[in-house]
């Protein structure tokens, strides 16, 4: 597979005019709020900003034009910008940064802010706002950004004085990254951006945040109690979530797993934290999880959940979730303890620290429960699902499997939208490392995958990036083809086109007597391959298995911008296994006959 151009080449290609040299600041010098924003971002090491200029944020963009340290990528819609920044943050581990103007610009960010909040992604959005005297008067392009974003941010600001800008930026970056990561919104009135203040060196000092505990101290006794009970368990299972990747705790996790020969299941967000080919891995859990994973948790006598919210997509009917198990829950956020499932062993703390100490407690004391593993292996034999071969039609599962084979280099980043294609990617792509899958877990945001691929490629220009999406999801942010073409971002988009909003259609088919109300979208949808060509990218269509492999390989080799492979797949193919809403996870549907 061809790698992307290096970062220097991409930066050179996107610079529209020479950057001016910025004078060094001296203490006591006057500066504007806008200049303080750009300087603050430079101090934080920001290299890339995604966004769209507008009237209320023009002073900041004017200062940005003088910086030779920050690359700006103009997207076609603010939602595209924030999804790209979200993915950038997940891939790099550093905050993604977004600029948007006031009113509709800021409002267009809110879906992406909520997405980052649900998935604990550190994204910092800077929004322009009308001048302070106009706030609250229903002024042109005014919305209450702080009020709108308050329930979906870790913290937000309305900056009313230019001298508060430097401290606000430092606080924002600290809060976004520390503890449980999350999004920050900074709303900046235009007169604050243009106002001047005296820059003072001592104003740069760090400060304590009242009521905010960054890293809760781990109670060692809690971990010791967990270790003792884990060693006594006869049917233990580990359940991991995205918190493992955020903590960088995959090695510490495997130390415990291998020491005690534990089976490991994963949430959607945890995929890749354990290599899917590892013999300890038993699959994804939840509504579309594997039979062995759901059965193992249902029959376990101790469930160790680490870095997961244990949300409804994981638990199914909470009363029937791991009904015979003592539950240990490890999470950095105390608010997650007992929110959905009441743990018998709550352990608050960073996953890396907790697992390190847990390994110390169990080292040399492990034992293999052969009877338990034999039972799990029998479930693999009984509940493995393979899509039935049909030479007359292209199966979506086969598309994902072939894609996985062609990108089997342990470097490829995979992004997805939301729907059936997301679940097929989760089930059939072989993920091997953390943050390899960049997807919308908590909010389930259609349209996330394509701009997320742009952000992922910008974050890791030397790694291949593939977006797996559906015809419904792709069209929600199809306009970002302009961004990918303009910036020459070499991503591959694989569309599983089935002519419908597939996941909703599946529910209508199975649980609403096949009344397909407003879910069939093929009529009026153009050739997405030809649309891509019109934008200036590479478009390919394929409808038969015979042409699939060469079509995918052709797209993967294209390195001059985006390539799109439009795969016309079986229109009524459904995602199985599936747990019906309200059912216990072990009561999953294996196929159409079960339904």
Protein backbone atom coordinates (compact mmCIF):
# COMPACT_ATOMS: atom_id res chain seq x y z
CA UNK A 1 0.00 0.00 0.00
CA UNK A 2 1.27 3.46 -0.81
CA UNK A 3 1.93 5.71 2.17
CA UNK A 4 0.89 9.35 2.18
CA UNK A 5 3.13 12.26 1.40
CA UNK A 6 5.15 13.44 4.35
CA UNK A 7 3.98 16.30 6.52
CA UNK A 8 6.39 18.84 5.05
CA UNK A 9 5.11 18.20 1.53
CA UNK A 10 1.51 18.51 2.68
CA UNK A 11 2.25 21.75 4.54
CA UNK A 12 4.02 23.20 1.51
CA UNK A 13 1.13 22.23 -0.75
CA UNK A 14 -1.42 24.00 1.40
CA UNK A 15 0.36 27.27 2.15
CA UNK A 16 -1.37 29.94 0.07
CA UNK A 17 0.93 32.85 0.89
CA UNK A 18 4.21 33.51 2.73
CA UNK A 19 4.04 33.66 6.49
CA UNK A 20 5.30 36.75 8.23
CA UNK A 21 7.97 36.54 10.89
CA UNK A 22 6.46 37.06 14.32
CA UNK A 23 8.36 39.35 16.67
CA UNK A 24 9.37 37.99 20.03
CA UNK A 25 7.19 39.26 22.84
CA UNK A 26 8.74 41.15 25.68
CA UNK A 27 7.27 41.64 29.12
CA UNK A 28 5.13 44.73 29.32
CA UNK A 29 4.33 44.72 25.60
CA UNK A 30 0.78 45.35 24.43
CA UNK A 31 -0.96 42.55 22.58
CA UNK A 32 -4.49 41.85 21.37
CA UNK A 33 -6.68 39.02 22.56
CA UNK A 34 -6.48 37.53 19.06
CA UNK A 35 -2.70 37.50 19.14
CA UNK A 36 -2.84 35.96 22.62
CA UNK A 37 -4.96 33.11 21.23
CA UNK A 38 -2.50 32.25 18.48
CA UNK A 39 0.52 32.67 20.74
CA UNK A 40 -1.14 30.52 23.39
CA UNK A 41 -1.79 27.77 20.87
CA UNK A 42 1.83 27.94 19.73
CA UNK A 43 2.98 27.64 23.34
CA UNK A 44 0.83 24.52 23.71
CA UNK A 45 2.56 22.96 20.70
CA UNK A 46 -0.49 23.04 18.42
CA UNK A 47 0.54 22.14 14.87
CA UNK A 48 -2.85 21.80 13.12
CA UNK A 49 -6.18 23.59 13.38
CA UNK A 50 -9.36 22.61 11.54
CA UNK A 51 -12.02 25.22 10.90
CA UNK A 52 -13.89 27.78 8.80
CA UNK A 53 -13.38 31.53 8.92
CA UNK A 54 -16.25 33.94 9.55
CA UNK A 55 -16.88 37.53 10.56
CA UNK A 56 -16.79 37.12 14.32
CA UNK A 57 -13.49 35.23 14.35
CA UNK A 58 -11.64 37.23 11.69
CA UNK A 59 -9.22 38.91 14.13
CA UNK A 60 -7.93 35.49 15.25
CA UNK A 61 -7.58 34.30 11.67
CA UNK A 62 -5.67 37.49 10.85
CA UNK A 63 -3.15 36.63 13.57
CA UNK A 64 -3.09 33.00 12.48
CA UNK A 65 -2.00 34.19 9.05
CA UNK A 66 1.17 35.57 10.66
CA UNK A 67 2.13 32.26 12.26
CA UNK A 68 4.58 29.91 10.60
CA UNK A 69 4.08 27.21 13.24
CA UNK A 70 0.46 26.21 12.77
CA UNK A 71 -1.15 24.60 9.73
CA UNK A 72 -4.80 25.45 9.17
CA UNK A 73 -7.10 23.13 7.25
CA UNK A 74 -10.28 24.74 5.96
CA UNK A 75 -13.11 22.23 5.84
CA UNK A 76 -16.40 22.62 4.01
CA UNK A 77 -18.63 22.39 7.07
CA UNK A 78 -17.93 22.96 10.76
CA UNK A 79 -19.10 19.46 11.62
CA UNK A 80 -16.45 18.10 9.27
CA UNK A 81 -13.87 20.24 11.07
CA UNK A 82 -14.68 19.01 14.55
CA UNK A 83 -14.94 15.34 13.56
CA UNK A 84 -11.52 15.67 11.93
CA UNK A 85 -10.14 17.30 15.08
CA UNK A 86 -11.69 14.55 17.20
CA UNK A 87 -9.92 11.85 15.19
CA UNK A 88 -6.69 13.88 15.22
CA UNK A 89 -6.84 13.91 19.02
CA UNK A 90 -7.44 10.16 19.30
CA UNK A 91 -4.57 9.31 16.93
CA UNK A 92 -2.01 11.73 18.37
CA UNK A 93 -3.06 11.71 22.01
CA UNK A 94 -2.94 15.53 21.90
CA UNK A 95 -5.94 17.87 21.86
CA UNK A 96 -7.58 18.52 18.51
CA UNK A 97 -8.27 22.21 17.88
CA UNK A 98 -11.17 23.76 15.96
CA UNK A 99 -12.02 27.33 14.93
CA UNK A 100 -15.55 28.46 14.04
CA UNK A 101 -17.33 31.77 13.81
CA UNK A 102 -20.32 32.83 15.88
CA UNK A 103 -23.96 31.82 15.48
CA UNK A 104 -24.44 29.09 12.86
CA UNK A 105 -20.71 28.34 12.77
CA UNK A 106 -20.62 27.59 16.50
CA UNK A 107 -23.98 25.80 16.37
CA UNK A 108 -22.71 23.52 13.61
CA UNK A 109 -19.97 22.33 15.97
CA UNK A 110 -22.32 21.06 18.66
CA UNK A 111 -22.91 17.56 17.28
CA UNK A 112 -19.15 17.08 17.16
CA UNK A 113 -18.72 18.49 20.66
CA UNK A 114 -21.31 16.01 21.97
CA UNK A 115 -19.58 13.21 20.08
CA UNK A 116 -16.23 14.06 21.69
CA UNK A 117 -17.88 14.29 25.11
CA UNK A 118 -19.46 10.85 24.87
CA UNK A 119 -16.21 9.27 23.67
CA UNK A 120 -13.93 11.21 26.08
CA UNK A 121 -11.94 12.89 23.33
CA UNK A 122 -9.89 16.06 24.08
CA UNK A 123 -11.15 18.56 21.50
CA UNK A 124 -10.87 22.31 22.09
CA UNK A 125 -13.22 24.53 20.10
CA UNK A 126 -12.59 28.26 19.78
CA UNK A 127 -15.68 30.12 18.64
CA UNK A 128 -16.08 33.74 17.67
CA UNK A 129 -18.88 35.64 19.39
CA UNK A 130 -20.59 38.98 18.85
CA UNK A 131 -19.07 41.92 20.74
CA UNK A 132 -19.80 41.98 24.47
CA UNK A 133 -22.28 44.91 24.33
CA UNK A 134 -24.37 42.93 21.83
CA UNK A 135 -24.54 39.71 23.81
CA UNK A 136 -28.08 38.79 24.85
CA UNK A 137 -29.75 41.04 22.29
CA UNK A 138 -30.45 38.43 19.60
CA UNK A 139 -27.77 40.14 17.53
CA UNK A 140 -26.86 39.03 14.03
CA UNK A 141 -25.24 35.59 14.17
CA UNK A 142 -25.50 35.36 17.94
CA UNK A 143 -26.23 32.17 19.85
CA UNK A 144 -25.59 31.32 23.49
CA UNK A 145 -22.58 29.09 22.87
CA UNK A 146 -21.83 28.57 26.53
CA UNK A 147 -25.42 27.64 27.33
CA UNK A 148 -25.68 25.31 24.35
CA UNK A 149 -22.42 23.53 25.07
CA UNK A 150 -22.65 23.36 28.86
CA UNK A 151 -24.18 19.83 29.09
CA UNK A 152 -21.81 18.38 26.47
CA UNK A 153 -18.42 19.74 27.54
CA UNK A 154 -15.98 18.98 30.29
CA UNK A 155 -15.76 22.75 30.77
CA UNK A 156 -16.53 25.89 28.76
CA UNK A 157 -15.67 29.58 28.82
CA UNK A 158 -17.08 32.92 27.73
CA UNK A 159 -14.02 35.17 27.83
CA UNK A 160 -15.02 38.75 28.65
CA UNK A 161 -11.59 40.41 28.93
CA UNK A 162 -8.57 40.11 26.62
CA UNK A 163 -6.17 39.76 29.55
CA UNK A 164 -7.95 36.50 30.51
CA UNK A 165 -7.08 34.82 27.21
CA UNK A 166 -3.64 33.36 28.09
CA UNK A 167 -4.81 31.77 31.32
CA UNK A 168 -7.98 30.45 29.65
CA UNK A 169 -5.95 28.69 26.96
CA UNK A 170 -3.62 27.06 29.49
CA UNK A 171 -6.57 25.92 31.58
CA UNK A 172 -8.35 24.57 28.53
CA UNK A 173 -5.46 22.38 27.46
CA UNK A 174 -4.87 21.16 30.99
CA UNK A 175 -8.50 20.26 31.57
CA UNK A 176 -8.99 18.65 28.16
CA UNK A 177 -6.12 16.21 28.67
CA UNK A 178 -6.02 15.49 32.39
CA UNK A 179 -8.01 12.84 34.20
CA UNK A 180 -10.79 11.63 31.96
CA UNK A 181 -10.25 13.56 28.69
CA UNK A 182 -13.04 15.62 27.20
CA UNK A 183 -14.00 18.60 25.02
CA UNK A 184 -13.63 22.27 25.94
CA UNK A 185 -15.36 25.23 24.28
CA UNK A 186 -13.88 28.75 24.44
CA UNK A 187 -16.24 31.50 23.25
CA UNK A 188 -14.45 34.75 22.32
CA UNK A 189 -16.39 37.98 21.67
CA UNK A 190 -15.02 40.03 18.79
CA UNK A 191 -14.13 43.04 20.94
CA UNK A 192 -12.19 40.74 23.29
CA UNK A 193 -10.21 39.48 20.31
CA UNK A 194 -9.44 43.04 19.24
CA UNK A 195 -8.90 44.51 22.69
CA UNK A 196 -5.38 45.10 23.98
CA UNK A 197 -3.73 44.23 27.28
CA UNK A 198 -0.24 44.24 28.75
CA UNK A 199 1.45 40.87 28.48
CA UNK A 200 3.24 39.95 31.70
CA UNK A 201 5.58 37.02 32.18
CA UNK A 202 4.35 36.10 35.63
CA UNK A 203 0.79 35.70 34.28
CA UNK A 204 1.99 32.48 32.66
CA UNK A 205 2.31 30.62 35.98
CA UNK A 206 0.34 27.40 36.42
CA UNK A 207 -2.59 27.47 38.84
CA UNK A 208 -4.48 24.92 40.86
CA UNK A 209 -8.05 24.16 39.85
CA UNK A 210 -10.37 24.27 42.83
CA UNK A 211 -12.52 21.15 43.13
CA UNK A 212 -10.75 19.38 40.28
CA UNK A 213 -8.74 16.29 41.14
CA UNK A 214 -6.64 15.34 38.13
CA UNK A 215 -5.51 11.83 39.02
CA UNK A 216 -7.42 10.18 41.88
CA UNK A 217 -5.05 8.31 44.15
CA UNK A 218 -5.50 4.56 43.85
CA UNK A 219 -6.57 2.82 47.02
CA UNK A 220 -4.11 -0.09 47.21
CA UNK A 221 -6.40 -2.07 49.51
CA UNK A 222 -9.12 -1.99 46.87
CA UNK A 223 -6.71 -3.47 44.33
CA UNK A 224 -5.50 -6.11 46.79
CA UNK A 225 -9.08 -7.18 47.52
CA UNK A 226 -9.72 -7.38 43.78
CA UNK A 227 -6.61 -9.53 43.30
CA UNK A 228 -7.63 -11.97 46.02
CA UNK A 229 -11.09 -12.44 44.55
CA UNK A 230 -9.78 -12.68 41.01
CA UNK A 231 -7.54 -15.56 42.07
CA UNK A 232 -10.50 -17.36 43.65
CA UNK A 233 -12.75 -17.02 40.59
CA UNK A 234 -13.46 -20.11 38.52
CA UNK A 235 -15.06 -18.33 35.54
CA UNK A 236 -13.37 -14.90 35.32
CA UNK A 237 -13.71 -12.56 32.33
CA UNK A 238 -12.03 -9.22 31.61
CA UNK A 239 -14.08 -6.57 29.78
CA UNK A 240 -12.12 -3.62 28.37
CA UNK A 241 -13.14 -0.28 26.93
CA UNK A 242 -11.55 2.74 25.30
CA UNK A 243 -10.03 3.81 28.61
CA UNK A 244 -7.27 1.25 28.07
CA UNK A 245 -6.05 3.11 24.99
CA UNK A 246 -6.42 6.51 26.62
CA UNK A 247 -4.31 5.39 29.56
CA UNK A 248 -1.76 3.61 27.35
CA UNK A 249 -2.36 0.54 29.50
CA UNK A 250 -2.41 -2.24 26.90
CA UNK A 251 0.90 -3.76 28.10
CA UNK A 252 -0.16 -3.67 31.74
CA UNK A 253 -3.48 -5.26 30.77
CA UNK A 254 -1.80 -8.14 28.94
CA UNK A 255 0.57 -8.72 31.87
CA UNK A 256 -2.45 -9.51 34.05
CA UNK A 257 -4.29 -11.43 31.34
CA UNK A 258 -1.33 -13.67 30.51
CA UNK A 259 -0.40 -14.20 34.15
CA UNK A 260 -3.88 -15.54 34.97
CA UNK A 261 -4.82 -16.88 31.49
CA UNK A 262 -7.92 -14.71 31.44
CA UNK A 263 -10.42 -14.42 28.57
CA UNK A 264 -10.81 -10.82 27.35
CA UNK A 265 -13.88 -9.28 25.76
CA UNK A 266 -14.01 -5.74 24.41
CA UNK A 267 -16.46 -2.95 23.90
CA UNK A 268 -16.59 -1.29 20.48
CA UNK A 269 -14.27 1.46 21.72
CA UNK A 270 -11.80 -1.01 23.20
CA UNK A 271 -11.19 -2.95 19.98
CA UNK A 272 -7.49 -3.18 19.19
CA UNK A 273 -6.33 -2.80 22.80
CA UNK A 274 -5.91 -6.57 22.68
CA UNK A 275 -4.79 -8.00 19.36
CA UNK A 276 -7.85 -9.67 17.83
CA UNK A 277 -5.66 -12.66 16.94
CA UNK A 278 -4.49 -13.14 20.52
CA UNK A 279 -5.78 -16.46 21.94
CA UNK A 280 -7.08 -14.66 25.03
CA UNK A 281 -9.41 -12.44 22.98
CA UNK A 282 -12.98 -13.73 22.77
CA UNK A 283 -14.62 -10.90 20.83
CA UNK A 284 -16.71 -7.77 21.10
CA UNK A 285 -19.50 -7.75 23.66
CA UNK A 286 -22.95 -6.19 23.51
CA UNK A 287 -25.82 -5.73 21.08
CA UNK A 288 -23.84 -6.94 18.06
CA UNK A 289 -21.10 -8.69 19.99
CA UNK A 290 -19.83 -12.20 19.46
CA UNK A 291 -21.69 -15.20 20.86
CA UNK A 292 -18.68 -16.41 22.92
CA UNK A 293 -18.11 -12.97 24.48
CA UNK A 294 -21.75 -12.46 25.45
CA UNK A 295 -22.09 -16.03 26.73
CA UNK A 296 -18.86 -15.84 28.73
CA UNK A 297 -19.92 -12.68 30.54
CA UNK A 298 -23.39 -14.11 31.20
CA UNK A 299 -21.87 -17.25 32.77
CA UNK A 300 -18.92 -15.61 34.54
CA UNK A 301 -18.48 -15.56 38.28
CA UNK A 302 -16.18 -12.50 38.29
CA UNK A 303 -16.20 -9.73 35.70
CA UNK A 304 -13.30 -7.29 35.67
CA UNK A 305 -14.37 -4.21 33.69
CA UNK A 306 -11.58 -1.74 32.95
CA UNK A 307 -11.91 1.64 31.24
CA UNK A 308 -15.49 1.20 30.09
CA UNK A 309 -18.70 3.05 30.96
CA UNK A 310 -20.72 -0.18 30.92
CA UNK A 311 -23.37 1.59 28.86
CA UNK A 312 -26.59 0.08 27.57
CA UNK A 313 -25.04 -1.17 24.31
CA UNK A 314 -22.70 -3.30 26.41
CA UNK A 315 -25.04 -4.48 29.14
CA UNK A 316 -28.33 -5.09 27.34
CA UNK A 317 -30.89 -5.65 30.09
CA UNK A 318 -28.92 -4.48 33.14
CA UNK A 319 -30.71 -6.86 35.50
CA UNK A 320 -29.50 -9.79 33.41
CA UNK A 321 -25.97 -8.51 32.84
CA UNK A 322 -23.42 -10.90 34.36
CA UNK A 323 -26.13 -12.10 36.75
CA UNK A 324 -23.93 -14.63 38.59
CA UNK A 325 -20.78 -12.56 38.74
CA UNK A 326 -19.13 -10.31 41.24
CA UNK A 327 -18.28 -7.18 39.28
CA UNK A 328 -15.06 -5.20 39.59
CA UNK A 329 -15.08 -1.82 37.84
CA UNK A 330 -11.87 0.14 37.25
CA UNK A 331 -12.28 3.71 35.95
CA UNK A 332 -10.61 7.07 36.39
CA UNK A 333 -13.98 8.83 36.68
CA UNK A 334 -15.71 8.32 40.05
CA UNK A 335 -19.02 9.33 38.44
CA UNK A 336 -19.05 6.04 36.50
CA UNK A 337 -19.11 3.92 39.65
CA UNK A 338 -22.62 2.54 40.07
CA UNK A 339 -24.08 4.83 37.39
CA UNK A 340 -25.39 1.83 35.45
CA UNK A 341 -24.01 -1.29 37.13
CA UNK A 342 -23.27 -1.36 40.85
CA UNK A 343 -19.80 -2.90 41.27
CA UNK A 344 -18.80 -5.20 44.12
CA UNK A 345 -15.22 -3.97 43.78
CA UNK A 346 -15.08 -0.32 42.68
CA UNK A 347 -11.52 0.81 41.95
CA UNK A 348 -11.07 4.48 41.06
CA UNK A 349 -7.87 5.40 39.28
CA UNK A 350 -5.82 5.45 36.12
CA UNK A 351 -6.04 2.08 34.36
CA UNK A 352 -2.29 1.85 33.82
CA UNK A 353 -1.55 2.42 37.51
CA UNK A 354 -4.26 0.04 38.72
CA UNK A 355 -3.26 -2.77 36.36
CA UNK A 356 0.41 -2.36 37.25
CA UNK A 357 -0.33 -2.85 40.93
CA UNK A 358 -2.83 -5.64 40.20
CA UNK A 359 -0.13 -7.53 38.29
CA UNK A 360 2.23 -7.18 41.24
CA UNK A 361 -0.42 -8.77 43.46
CA UNK A 362 -1.14 -11.77 41.22
CA UNK A 363 2.34 -12.40 39.79
CA UNK A 364 3.42 -16.00 40.32
CA UNK A 365 0.01 -16.97 41.68
CA UNK A 366 -1.82 -17.67 38.43
CA UNK A 367 -3.62 -20.83 37.37
CA UNK A 368 -5.38 -21.91 34.23
CA UNK A 369 -9.06 -22.79 34.45
CA UNK A 370 -9.10 -25.42 31.69
CA UNK A 371 -12.75 -26.30 32.18
CA UNK A 372 -13.73 -22.64 31.73
CA UNK A 373 -11.64 -22.27 28.60
CA UNK A 374 -13.05 -25.49 27.18
CA UNK A 375 -16.55 -24.09 27.65
CA UNK A 376 -15.62 -20.84 25.88
CA UNK A 377 -14.09 -22.79 22.98
CA UNK A 378 -17.30 -24.78 22.63
CA UNK A 379 -19.19 -21.49 22.21
CA UNK A 380 -16.82 -20.52 19.40
CA UNK A 381 -17.74 -23.75 17.62
CA UNK A 382 -21.44 -23.26 18.22
CA UNK A 383 -21.90 -19.54 17.58
CA UNK A 384 -19.41 -18.60 14.87
CA UNK A 385 -21.14 -16.66 12.12
CA UNK A 386 -20.05 -16.81 8.49
CA UNK A 387 -21.94 -14.96 5.80
CA UNK A 388 -23.39 -17.38 3.28
CA UNK A 389 -21.60 -17.26 -0.05
CA UNK A 390 -23.63 -15.98 -2.98
CA UNK A 391 -21.80 -15.47 -6.27
CA UNK A 392 -24.65 -13.32 -7.59
CA UNK A 393 -24.22 -10.56 -5.00
CA UNK A 394 -21.40 -8.89 -3.05
CA UNK A 395 -21.60 -9.51 0.70
CA UNK A 396 -20.58 -6.61 3.00
CA UNK A 397 -18.82 -8.99 5.40
CA UNK A 398 -16.61 -10.18 2.55
CA UNK A 399 -15.73 -6.61 1.62
CA UNK A 400 -14.47 -5.98 5.15
CA UNK A 401 -12.57 -9.28 5.29
CA UNK A 402 -10.78 -8.60 2.00
CA UNK A 403 -10.01 -5.06 3.11
CA UNK A 404 -8.53 -6.44 6.33
CA UNK A 405 -6.32 -8.82 4.35
CA UNK A 406 -5.10 -6.10 1.99
CA UNK A 407 -4.23 -3.72 4.83
CA UNK A 408 -2.67 -6.31 7.12
CA UNK A 409 0.40 -4.30 8.08
CA UNK A 410 -0.42 -3.33 11.68
CA UNK A 411 -0.28 0.35 10.70
CA UNK A 412 -3.58 1.05 8.97
CA UNK A 413 -6.04 3.31 10.79
CA UNK A 414 -9.71 2.48 10.19
CA UNK A 415 -12.49 5.02 10.68
CA UNK A 416 -16.21 4.35 10.37
CA UNK A 417 -19.52 6.10 10.22
CA UNK A 418 -22.44 4.65 12.17
CA UNK A 419 -24.78 1.87 11.14
CA UNK A 420 -24.52 -1.64 9.79
CA UNK A 421 -21.16 -0.94 8.14
CA UNK A 422 -19.75 0.08 11.54
CA UNK A 423 -20.73 -3.25 13.07
CA UNK A 424 -19.43 -5.27 10.11
CA UNK A 425 -16.12 -3.43 10.42
CA UNK A 426 -16.02 -4.16 14.15
CA UNK A 427 -16.85 -7.83 13.63
CA UNK A 428 -14.73 -8.71 10.59
CA UNK A 429 -11.72 -6.40 10.52
CA UNK A 430 -8.77 -7.77 12.50
CA UNK A 431 -7.67 -4.94 14.77
CA UNK A 432 -4.22 -5.34 16.24
CA UNK A 433 -3.35 -2.17 18.18
CA UNK A 434 -4.99 0.61 20.22
CA UNK A 435 -6.54 3.58 18.44
CA UNK A 436 -6.55 1.65 15.19
CA UNK A 437 -10.36 1.94 15.09
CA UNK A 438 -11.60 5.53 15.17
CA UNK A 439 -15.38 5.47 15.43
CA UNK A 440 -18.33 7.19 17.08
CA UNK A 441 -19.24 5.00 20.03
CA UNK A 442 -21.37 6.86 22.54
CA UNK A 443 -23.30 9.31 20.37
CA UNK A 444 -23.53 7.13 17.25
CA UNK A 445 -22.96 10.01 14.85
CA UNK A 446 -23.67 9.23 11.21
CA UNK A 447 -21.23 11.07 8.96
CA UNK A 448 -18.34 10.77 11.42
CA UNK A 449 -16.16 8.36 9.46
CA UNK A 450 -15.13 10.38 6.41
CA UNK A 451 -13.98 13.60 8.14
CA UNK A 452 -12.46 11.41 10.87
CA UNK A 453 -10.34 9.78 8.17
CA UNK A 454 -9.11 13.22 7.11
CA UNK A 455 -8.15 14.06 10.68
CA UNK A 456 -6.48 10.67 11.16
CA UNK A 457 -4.37 11.06 8.02
CA UNK A 458 -3.28 14.57 9.03
CA UNK A 459 -2.36 13.19 12.46
CA UNK A 460 -0.41 10.25 11.03
CA UNK A 461 0.68 11.18 7.49
CA UNK A 462 2.94 8.12 7.17
CA UNK A 463 0.15 5.63 7.96
CA UNK A 464 -2.55 4.38 5.58
CA UNK A 465 -6.06 5.48 6.54
CA UNK A 466 -9.26 3.76 5.41
CA UNK A 467 -12.82 4.89 6.09
CA UNK A 468 -15.50 2.19 6.07
CA UNK A 469 -18.88 3.82 5.68
CA UNK A 470 -22.37 3.41 4.26
CA UNK A 471 -24.14 5.34 1.54
CA UNK A 472 -26.26 7.07 4.19
CA UNK A 473 -23.36 8.03 6.46
CA UNK A 474 -21.05 9.09 3.62
CA UNK A 475 -23.57 11.55 2.20
CA UNK A 476 -23.93 13.31 5.55
CA UNK A 477 -20.47 14.82 5.14
CA UNK A 478 -19.78 14.15 1.46
CA UNK A 479 -18.84 17.83 1.04
CA UNK A 480 -15.50 17.11 2.75
CA UNK A 481 -14.34 15.60 -0.54
CA UNK A 482 -13.45 19.22 -1.30
CA UNK A 483 -11.18 19.32 1.75
CA UNK A 484 -9.47 16.02 0.97
CA UNK A 485 -8.90 16.98 -2.68
CA UNK A 486 -7.68 20.50 -1.91
CA UNK A 487 -5.28 19.26 0.78
CA UNK A 488 -4.24 16.20 -1.26
CA UNK A 489 -5.05 13.88 1.65
CA UNK A 490 -4.63 10.26 0.46
CA UNK A 491 -7.42 8.42 2.26
CA UNK A 492 -9.39 5.44 0.97
CA UNK A 493 -13.15 5.39 1.50
CA UNK A 494 -14.94 2.05 1.21
CA UNK A 495 -18.71 2.53 0.88
CA UNK A 496 -20.95 -0.45 1.64
CA UNK A 497 -23.83 0.76 -0.50
CA UNK A 498 -27.07 -1.09 0.21
CA UNK A 499 -29.52 1.62 -0.77
CA UNK A 500 -30.91 2.11 2.70
CA UNK A 501 -30.37 3.46 6.18
CA UNK A 502 -29.42 -0.11 6.92
CA UNK A 503 -29.49 -0.43 10.69
CA UNK A 504 -32.88 1.22 11.00
CA UNK A 505 -34.16 -0.86 8.07
CA UNK A 506 -32.94 -3.98 9.89
CA UNK A 507 -35.00 -3.07 12.95
CA UNK A 508 -38.03 -2.35 10.80
CA UNK A 509 -37.62 -5.67 9.08
CA UNK A 510 -37.19 -7.71 12.27
CA UNK A 511 -39.39 -5.87 14.79
CA UNK A 512 -41.88 -3.75 12.83
CA UNK A 513 -43.34 -6.40 10.52
CA UNK A 514 -41.06 -5.35 7.67
CA UNK A 515 -42.74 -1.94 7.32
CA UNK A 516 -39.91 -0.03 5.66
CA UNK A 517 -40.81 3.56 6.43
CA UNK A 518 -38.43 6.20 5.04
CA UNK A 519 -35.32 4.01 5.17
CA UNK A 520 -34.85 3.25 1.45
CA UNK A 521 -32.60 5.94 -0.03
CA UNK A 522 -31.24 4.47 -3.26
CA UNK A 523 -33.65 6.35 -5.52
CA UNK A 524 -32.13 9.74 -6.12
CA UNK A 525 -28.70 8.78 -4.80
CA UNK A 526 -26.19 9.27 -7.62
CA UNK A 527 -23.12 7.20 -8.35
CA UNK A 528 -20.91 8.09 -5.42
CA UNK A 529 -17.87 7.03 -7.42
CA UNK A 530 -18.74 9.53 -10.15
CA UNK A 531 -19.44 12.23 -7.57
CA UNK A 532 -15.95 11.62 -6.20
CA UNK A 533 -14.48 11.99 -9.68
CA UNK A 534 -16.38 15.28 -10.09
CA UNK A 535 -14.74 16.58 -6.92
CA UNK A 536 -11.33 15.59 -8.28
CA UNK A 537 -10.74 12.34 -6.42
CA UNK A 538 -10.56 8.75 -7.65
CA UNK A 539 -13.86 6.89 -7.86
CA UNK A 540 -14.35 3.15 -8.38
CA UNK A 541 -17.52 1.05 -8.42
CA UNK A 542 -17.71 -2.70 -7.85
CA UNK A 543 -20.71 -5.03 -7.60
CA UNK A 544 -19.22 -8.53 -7.79
CA UNK A 545 -16.76 -10.40 -5.63
CA UNK A 546 -14.53 -11.10 -8.61
CA UNK A 547 -13.71 -7.43 -9.02
CA UNK A 548 -13.49 -6.57 -5.32
CA UNK A 549 -9.84 -7.26 -4.55
CA UNK A 550 -8.39 -5.39 -7.57
CA UNK A 551 -10.77 -2.46 -6.97
CA UNK A 552 -9.71 -2.12 -3.33
CA UNK A 553 -6.04 -2.49 -4.19
CA UNK A 554 -6.31 0.15 -6.90
CA UNK A 555 -7.84 2.59 -4.44
CA UNK A 556 -5.33 1.80 -1.71
CA UNK A 557 -2.46 2.51 -4.11
CA UNK A 558 -3.79 5.96 -5.01
CA UNK A 559 -1.77 8.62 -3.19
CA UNK A 560 -2.73 11.93 -4.81
CA UNK A 561 -5.89 12.53 -2.80
CA UNK A 562 -9.04 10.69 -1.73
CA UNK A 563 -10.15 7.47 -3.41
CA UNK A 564 -13.66 6.04 -3.04
CA UNK A 565 -14.65 2.43 -3.68
CA UNK A 566 -18.42 2.18 -4.00
CA UNK A 567 -19.33 -1.44 -3.22
CA UNK A 568 -22.87 -2.38 -4.24
CA UNK A 569 -23.60 -4.99 -1.56
CA UNK A 570 -26.55 -7.24 -0.80
CA UNK A 571 -29.41 -4.88 -0.03
CA UNK A 572 -31.14 -6.89 2.69
CA UNK A 573 -28.09 -8.30 4.46
CA UNK A 574 -28.38 -7.83 8.23
CA UNK A 575 -25.92 -7.68 11.10
CA UNK A 576 -25.80 -10.76 13.30
CA UNK A 577 -25.48 -11.72 16.11
CA UNK A 578 -27.98 -9.22 17.47
CA UNK A 579 -29.45 -8.75 20.94
CA UNK A 580 -33.03 -7.43 20.72
CA UNK A 581 -33.70 -4.31 22.79
CA UNK A 582 -34.54 -5.19 26.39
CA UNK A 583 -33.23 -8.77 26.14
CA UNK A 584 -30.36 -10.33 28.03
CA UNK A 585 -27.11 -10.37 26.08
CA UNK A 586 -26.96 -14.15 26.04
CA UNK A 587 -30.31 -14.27 24.25
CA UNK A 588 -28.91 -13.08 20.94
CA UNK A 589 -30.32 -13.69 17.49
CA UNK A 590 -27.96 -15.62 15.24
CA UNK A 591 -29.73 -15.02 11.95
CA UNK A 592 -32.95 -14.44 10.06
CA UNK A 593 -34.38 -17.79 11.15
CA UNK A 594 -33.93 -16.93 14.84
CA UNK A 595 -35.60 -13.58 14.31
